[in-house]
Amino acid sequence: MREIRNSILLFAVVIGLYSCESTTYDDLQEDMPIEGEITYDAHIKTVIDNNCIICHSPGGVSSFRPLTTYMEVKDAVDNTNLLQRIIKQNGEPDLMPQTGRMPMNKIDLILDWAANGAPEN
């Protein structure tokens, strides 16, 4: 009886660990080339709103560094380590967002935008 219970427990642990895969649909989808210039209004705002605003807005745990406007995001790119924090791997200290790394296509979009002068619109 004890052997069966241990086998079931081992099976549950293995399944639990295996199911901790962090690959998402966004990670698997192919990058869609963007026609024209990458801008905050057309491309970056949506990424920031979907991944950062929950913490980086008034009332959020990181409200001291809001990312709710173009100027706040541009300032974070220019004067803080925002870009270095979003490129970290899961498990590394100071990764943003803290809930887990964004899909690479979103990170690349932000990096390309910043490298091209971070245009607003």
N, C-alpha and C. Protein backbone atom coordinates (compact mmCIF):
# COMPACT_ATOMS: atom_id res chain seq x y z
N MET A 1 0.82 -1.18 0.00
CA MET A 1 0.00 0.00 0.00
C MET A 1 0.87 1.26 0.00
N ARG A 2 1.91 1.25 0.82
CA ARG A 2 2.82 2.39 0.91
C ARG A 2 3.54 2.61 -0.43
N GLU A 3 3.88 1.53 -1.10
CA GLU A 3 4.57 1.61 -2.39
C GLU A 3 3.68 2.27 -3.45
N ILE A 4 2.41 1.94 -3.45
CA ILE A 4 1.46 2.53 -4.40
C ILE A 4 1.31 4.03 -4.12
N ARG A 5 1.21 4.38 -2.85
CA ARG A 5 1.07 5.78 -2.46
C ARG A 5 2.30 6.57 -2.88
N ASN A 6 3.50 6.02 -2.67
CA ASN A 6 4.74 6.69 -3.07
C ASN A 6 4.82 6.83 -4.59
N SER A 7 4.37 5.82 -5.31
CA SER A 7 4.38 5.89 -6.77
C SER A 7 3.43 6.98 -7.27
N ILE A 8 2.27 7.08 -6.66
CA ILE A 8 1.30 8.12 -7.05
C ILE A 8 1.87 9.50 -6.72
N LEU A 9 2.48 9.64 -5.57
CA LEU A 9 3.08 10.91 -5.18
C LEU A 9 4.20 11.29 -6.15
N LEU A 10 5.05 10.36 -6.50
CA LEU A 10 6.14 10.62 -7.45
C LEU A 10 5.56 11.03 -8.81
N PHE A 11 4.55 10.33 -9.26
CA PHE A 11 3.90 10.66 -10.54
C PHE A 11 3.34 12.08 -10.50
N ALA A 12 2.69 12.46 -9.40
CA ALA A 12 2.11 13.80 -9.26
C ALA A 12 3.19 14.87 -9.29
N VAL A 13 4.30 14.62 -8.62
CA VAL A 13 5.40 15.58 -8.61
C VAL A 13 5.99 15.74 -10.01
N VAL A 14 6.21 14.65 -10.71
CA VAL A 14 6.76 14.71 -12.06
C VAL A 14 5.83 15.48 -12.99
N ILE A 15 4.55 15.18 -12.93
CA ILE A 15 3.56 15.90 -13.76
C ILE A 15 3.55 17.37 -13.39
N GLY A 16 3.60 17.68 -12.11
CA GLY A 16 3.62 19.07 -11.66
C GLY A 16 4.81 19.83 -12.18
N LEU A 17 5.98 19.22 -12.11
CA LEU A 17 7.19 19.88 -12.61
C LEU A 17 7.17 20.02 -14.13
N TYR A 18 6.69 19.02 -14.80
CA TYR A 18 6.62 19.06 -16.25
C TYR A 18 5.66 20.14 -16.73
N SER A 19 4.60 20.37 -15.99
CA SER A 19 3.60 21.34 -16.40
C SER A 19 4.03 22.78 -16.12
N CYS A 20 5.19 22.98 -15.54
CA CYS A 20 5.68 24.33 -15.25
C CYS A 20 6.37 24.96 -16.45
N GLU A 21 6.17 24.43 -17.61
CA GLU A 21 6.73 24.99 -18.84
C GLU A 21 6.24 26.41 -19.02
N SER A 22 7.13 27.32 -19.42
CA SER A 22 6.75 28.73 -19.54
C SER A 22 6.54 29.16 -20.98
N THR A 23 6.53 28.26 -21.92
CA THR A 23 6.31 28.63 -23.30
C THR A 23 4.86 29.05 -23.48
N THR A 24 4.68 30.18 -24.12
CA THR A 24 3.33 30.68 -24.37
C THR A 24 3.08 30.74 -25.87
N TYR A 25 1.85 31.00 -26.22
CA TYR A 25 1.50 31.15 -27.63
C TYR A 25 2.33 32.26 -28.26
N ASP A 26 2.53 33.36 -27.53
CA ASP A 26 3.32 34.47 -28.06
C ASP A 26 4.75 34.04 -28.35
N ASP A 27 5.30 33.14 -27.52
CA ASP A 27 6.66 32.66 -27.75
C ASP A 27 6.74 31.83 -29.02
N LEU A 28 5.68 31.11 -29.34
CA LEU A 28 5.70 30.19 -30.47
C LEU A 28 5.31 30.84 -31.80
N GLN A 29 4.57 31.92 -31.75
CA GLN A 29 4.13 32.52 -32.99
C GLN A 29 5.30 33.20 -33.69
N GLU A 30 5.23 33.23 -35.00
CA GLU A 30 6.27 33.87 -35.77
C GLU A 30 6.14 35.37 -35.66
N ASP A 31 7.27 36.05 -35.71
CA ASP A 31 7.24 37.50 -35.68
C ASP A 31 6.63 38.02 -36.96
N MET A 32 5.73 38.97 -36.80
CA MET A 32 5.14 39.63 -37.95
C MET A 32 5.95 40.88 -38.20
N PRO A 33 6.53 41.02 -39.38
CA PRO A 33 7.31 42.23 -39.65
C PRO A 33 6.41 43.47 -39.57
N ILE A 34 6.95 44.51 -39.00
CA ILE A 34 6.20 45.76 -38.87
C ILE A 34 6.59 46.65 -40.03
N GLU A 35 5.58 47.11 -40.72
CA GLU A 35 5.80 48.03 -41.83
C GLU A 35 5.98 49.43 -41.27
N GLY A 36 7.03 50.09 -41.68
CA GLY A 36 7.25 51.46 -41.24
C GLY A 36 7.91 51.54 -39.88
N GLU A 37 7.82 52.72 -39.31
CA GLU A 37 8.49 53.03 -38.06
C GLU A 37 7.72 52.47 -36.85
N ILE A 38 8.45 51.96 -35.88
CA ILE A 38 7.85 51.52 -34.62
C ILE A 38 7.68 52.76 -33.75
N THR A 39 6.46 53.00 -33.30
CA THR A 39 6.20 54.16 -32.45
C THR A 39 5.54 53.73 -31.15
N TYR A 40 5.63 54.63 -30.18
CA TYR A 40 5.00 54.36 -28.89
C TYR A 40 3.50 54.18 -29.05
N ASP A 41 2.85 55.14 -29.72
CA ASP A 41 1.40 55.10 -29.84
C ASP A 41 0.90 53.87 -30.59
N ALA A 42 1.58 53.51 -31.66
CA ALA A 42 1.10 52.41 -32.51
C ALA A 42 1.50 51.03 -32.01
N HIS A 43 2.62 50.91 -31.28
CA HIS A 43 3.14 49.59 -30.96
C HIS A 43 3.49 49.37 -29.48
N ILE A 44 4.19 50.32 -28.88
CA ILE A 44 4.77 50.11 -27.55
C ILE A 44 3.75 50.27 -26.43
N LYS A 45 2.85 51.22 -26.56
CA LYS A 45 1.86 51.47 -25.50
C LYS A 45 1.08 50.21 -25.15
N THR A 46 0.68 49.44 -26.15
CA THR A 46 -0.08 48.21 -25.91
C THR A 46 0.76 47.20 -25.12
N VAL A 47 2.02 47.07 -25.47
CA VAL A 47 2.90 46.13 -24.76
C VAL A 47 3.06 46.56 -23.30
N ILE A 48 3.31 47.85 -23.08
CA ILE A 48 3.47 48.37 -21.72
C ILE A 48 2.17 48.20 -20.94
N ASP A 49 1.04 48.56 -21.56
CA ASP A 49 -0.26 48.43 -20.87
C ASP A 49 -0.55 46.98 -20.49
N ASN A 50 -0.21 46.04 -21.34
CA ASN A 50 -0.50 44.63 -21.08
C ASN A 50 0.47 43.97 -20.11
N ASN A 51 1.65 44.54 -19.93
CA ASN A 51 2.67 43.87 -19.13
C ASN A 51 3.18 44.65 -17.92
N CYS A 52 2.98 45.96 -17.90
CA CYS A 52 3.64 46.78 -16.88
C CYS A 52 2.70 47.59 -16.01
N ILE A 53 1.59 48.04 -16.57
CA ILE A 53 0.70 48.98 -15.90
C ILE A 53 0.13 48.42 -14.59
N ILE A 54 -0.06 47.14 -14.52
CA ILE A 54 -0.63 46.55 -13.29
C ILE A 54 0.16 46.97 -12.05
N CYS A 55 1.46 47.11 -12.19
CA CYS A 55 2.31 47.53 -11.06
C CYS A 55 2.74 48.99 -11.17
N HIS A 56 3.00 49.44 -12.40
CA HIS A 56 3.57 50.77 -12.63
C HIS A 56 2.51 51.80 -12.97
N SER A 57 1.55 51.95 -12.07
CA SER A 57 0.51 52.97 -12.19
C SER A 57 0.09 53.38 -10.79
N PRO A 58 -0.63 54.49 -10.65
CA PRO A 58 -1.06 54.89 -9.31
C PRO A 58 -1.79 53.76 -8.60
N GLY A 59 -1.38 53.49 -7.39
CA GLY A 59 -1.97 52.42 -6.60
C GLY A 59 -1.28 51.08 -6.78
N GLY A 60 -0.42 50.96 -7.78
CA GLY A 60 0.33 49.72 -7.99
C GLY A 60 1.52 49.64 -7.06
N VAL A 61 2.09 48.45 -6.93
CA VAL A 61 3.22 48.28 -6.02
C VAL A 61 4.45 49.04 -6.46
N SER A 62 4.53 49.40 -7.73
CA SER A 62 5.66 50.18 -8.24
C SER A 62 5.19 51.55 -8.74
N SER A 63 4.24 52.14 -8.04
CA SER A 63 3.69 53.43 -8.44
C SER A 63 4.73 54.55 -8.38
N PHE A 64 5.84 54.31 -7.67
CA PHE A 64 6.92 55.29 -7.62
C PHE A 64 7.60 55.46 -8.99
N ARG A 65 7.40 54.49 -9.90
CA ARG A 65 7.95 54.56 -11.26
C ARG A 65 6.80 54.27 -12.23
N PRO A 66 5.89 55.24 -12.40
CA PRO A 66 4.76 54.99 -13.29
C PRO A 66 5.21 54.87 -14.76
N LEU A 67 4.49 54.04 -15.50
CA LEU A 67 4.74 53.85 -16.93
C LEU A 67 3.42 54.02 -17.70
N THR A 68 2.70 55.06 -17.35
CA THR A 68 1.37 55.25 -17.93
C THR A 68 1.34 56.22 -19.10
N THR A 69 2.41 56.95 -19.33
CA THR A 69 2.47 57.91 -20.43
C THR A 69 3.73 57.70 -21.26
N TYR A 70 3.72 58.28 -22.43
CA TYR A 70 4.91 58.22 -23.29
C TYR A 70 6.13 58.76 -22.56
N MET A 71 6.01 59.93 -21.94
CA MET A 71 7.17 60.55 -21.28
C MET A 71 7.70 59.69 -20.14
N GLU A 72 6.82 59.03 -19.41
CA GLU A 72 7.27 58.16 -18.32
C GLU A 72 8.02 56.94 -18.85
N VAL A 73 7.52 56.36 -19.92
CA VAL A 73 8.19 55.19 -20.51
C VAL A 73 9.51 55.60 -21.12
N LYS A 74 9.53 56.70 -21.85
CA LYS A 74 10.78 57.18 -22.47
C LYS A 74 11.81 57.50 -21.40
N ASP A 75 11.38 58.13 -20.31
CA ASP A 75 12.29 58.43 -19.21
C ASP A 75 12.86 57.15 -18.61
N ALA A 76 12.02 56.13 -18.46
CA ALA A 76 12.48 54.86 -17.90
C ALA A 76 13.50 54.19 -18.83
N VAL A 77 13.31 54.33 -20.14
CA VAL A 77 14.27 53.78 -21.11
C VAL A 77 15.57 54.57 -21.05
N ASP A 78 15.47 55.90 -21.01
CA ASP A 78 16.65 56.76 -21.06
C ASP A 78 17.42 56.84 -19.75
N ASN A 79 16.73 56.78 -18.62
CA ASN A 79 17.37 57.11 -17.36
C ASN A 79 17.34 56.02 -16.29
N THR A 80 16.73 54.89 -16.59
CA THR A 80 16.76 53.77 -15.64
C THR A 80 17.23 52.53 -16.40
N ASN A 81 17.19 51.43 -15.78
CA ASN A 81 17.64 50.18 -16.41
C ASN A 81 16.49 49.36 -16.96
N LEU A 82 15.44 50.02 -17.47
CA LEU A 82 14.27 49.31 -17.98
C LEU A 82 14.65 48.28 -19.04
N LEU A 83 15.46 48.67 -20.02
CA LEU A 83 15.81 47.73 -21.09
C LEU A 83 16.59 46.54 -20.56
N GLN A 84 17.51 46.79 -19.63
CA GLN A 84 18.30 45.69 -19.06
C GLN A 84 17.42 44.74 -18.24
N ARG A 85 16.37 45.26 -17.63
CA ARG A 85 15.52 44.41 -16.80
C ARG A 85 14.57 43.55 -17.63
N ILE A 86 14.11 44.06 -18.78
CA ILE A 86 13.17 43.25 -19.57
C ILE A 86 13.87 42.15 -20.37
N ILE A 87 15.20 42.25 -20.56
CA ILE A 87 15.90 41.22 -21.33
C ILE A 87 16.42 40.08 -20.45
N LYS A 88 16.30 40.23 -19.15
CA LYS A 88 16.76 39.16 -18.25
C LYS A 88 15.92 37.90 -18.45
N GLN A 89 16.49 36.78 -18.08
CA GLN A 89 15.81 35.49 -18.18
C GLN A 89 15.00 35.22 -16.92
N ASN A 90 13.97 34.39 -17.03
CA ASN A 90 13.20 34.00 -15.85
C ASN A 90 14.15 33.45 -14.79
N GLY A 91 13.95 33.85 -13.57
CA GLY A 91 14.78 33.40 -12.46
C GLY A 91 15.92 34.35 -12.12
N GLU A 92 16.27 35.25 -13.04
CA GLU A 92 17.31 36.22 -12.75
C GLU A 92 16.75 37.33 -11.87
N PRO A 93 17.59 37.87 -10.97
CA PRO A 93 17.11 38.95 -10.12
C PRO A 93 16.78 40.19 -10.94
N ASP A 94 15.79 40.93 -10.50
CA ASP A 94 15.37 42.20 -11.10
C ASP A 94 14.69 42.08 -12.47
N LEU A 95 14.28 40.88 -12.85
CA LEU A 95 13.54 40.71 -14.10
C LEU A 95 12.23 41.48 -14.04
N MET A 96 11.90 42.12 -15.14
CA MET A 96 10.60 42.77 -15.27
C MET A 96 9.93 42.25 -16.52
N PRO A 97 8.65 42.00 -16.47
CA PRO A 97 7.82 42.04 -15.27
C PRO A 97 8.16 40.90 -14.33
N GLN A 98 7.88 41.11 -13.06
CA GLN A 98 8.22 40.12 -12.04
C GLN A 98 7.43 38.83 -12.20
N THR A 99 6.31 38.88 -12.90
CA THR A 99 5.49 37.69 -13.11
C THR A 99 6.08 36.74 -14.14
N GLY A 100 7.11 37.18 -14.85
CA GLY A 100 7.76 36.34 -15.85
C GLY A 100 8.10 37.13 -17.10
N ARG A 101 9.08 36.66 -17.77
CA ARG A 101 9.60 37.35 -18.94
C ARG A 101 8.55 37.48 -20.03
N MET A 102 8.54 38.64 -20.67
CA MET A 102 7.65 38.86 -21.80
C MET A 102 8.13 38.01 -22.98
N PRO A 103 7.26 37.73 -23.93
CA PRO A 103 7.68 37.03 -25.13
C PRO A 103 8.78 37.82 -25.86
N MET A 104 9.70 37.11 -26.47
CA MET A 104 10.84 37.76 -27.12
C MET A 104 10.41 38.74 -28.20
N ASN A 105 9.32 38.46 -28.91
CA ASN A 105 8.90 39.39 -29.96
C ASN A 105 8.49 40.74 -29.36
N LYS A 106 7.95 40.75 -28.15
CA LYS A 106 7.59 42.00 -27.48
C LYS A 106 8.84 42.73 -26.99
N ILE A 107 9.79 41.98 -26.45
CA ILE A 107 11.05 42.57 -26.00
C ILE A 107 11.78 43.19 -27.18
N ASP A 108 11.87 42.45 -28.28
CA ASP A 108 12.54 42.97 -29.48
C ASP A 108 11.88 44.24 -29.99
N LEU A 109 10.57 44.30 -29.91
CA LEU A 109 9.84 45.49 -30.35
C LEU A 109 10.25 46.70 -29.52
N ILE A 110 10.32 46.53 -28.21
CA ILE A 110 10.73 47.63 -27.33
C ILE A 110 12.18 48.02 -27.59
N LEU A 111 13.05 47.03 -27.76
CA LEU A 111 14.46 47.32 -28.02
C LEU A 111 14.64 48.06 -29.34
N ASP A 112 13.93 47.63 -30.38
CA ASP A 112 14.01 48.30 -31.68
C ASP A 112 13.50 49.73 -31.58
N TRP A 113 12.39 49.91 -30.89
CA TRP A 113 11.82 51.25 -30.70
C TRP A 113 12.82 52.16 -30.01
N ALA A 114 13.44 51.69 -28.94
CA ALA A 114 14.41 52.49 -28.19
C ALA A 114 15.64 52.79 -29.04
N ALA A 115 16.11 51.81 -29.79
CA ALA A 115 17.30 51.99 -30.64
C ALA A 115 17.06 53.01 -31.76
N ASN A 116 15.81 53.19 -32.14
CA ASN A 116 15.48 54.13 -33.21
C ASN A 116 15.00 55.48 -32.68
N GLY A 117 15.35 55.79 -31.46
CA GLY A 117 15.05 57.11 -30.91
C GLY A 117 13.75 57.20 -30.14
N ALA A 118 13.04 56.11 -29.95
CA ALA A 118 11.81 56.06 -29.17
C ALA A 118 10.77 57.09 -29.63
N PRO A 119 10.39 57.06 -30.91
CA PRO A 119 9.40 58.04 -31.39
C PRO A 119 8.03 57.83 -30.76
N GLU A 120 7.33 58.93 -30.55
CA GLU A 120 6.01 58.85 -29.91
C GLU A 120 4.92 58.44 -30.89
N ASN A 121 4.81 59.11 -32.02
CA ASN A 121 3.77 58.75 -32.99
C ASN A 121 4.19 59.06 -34.41
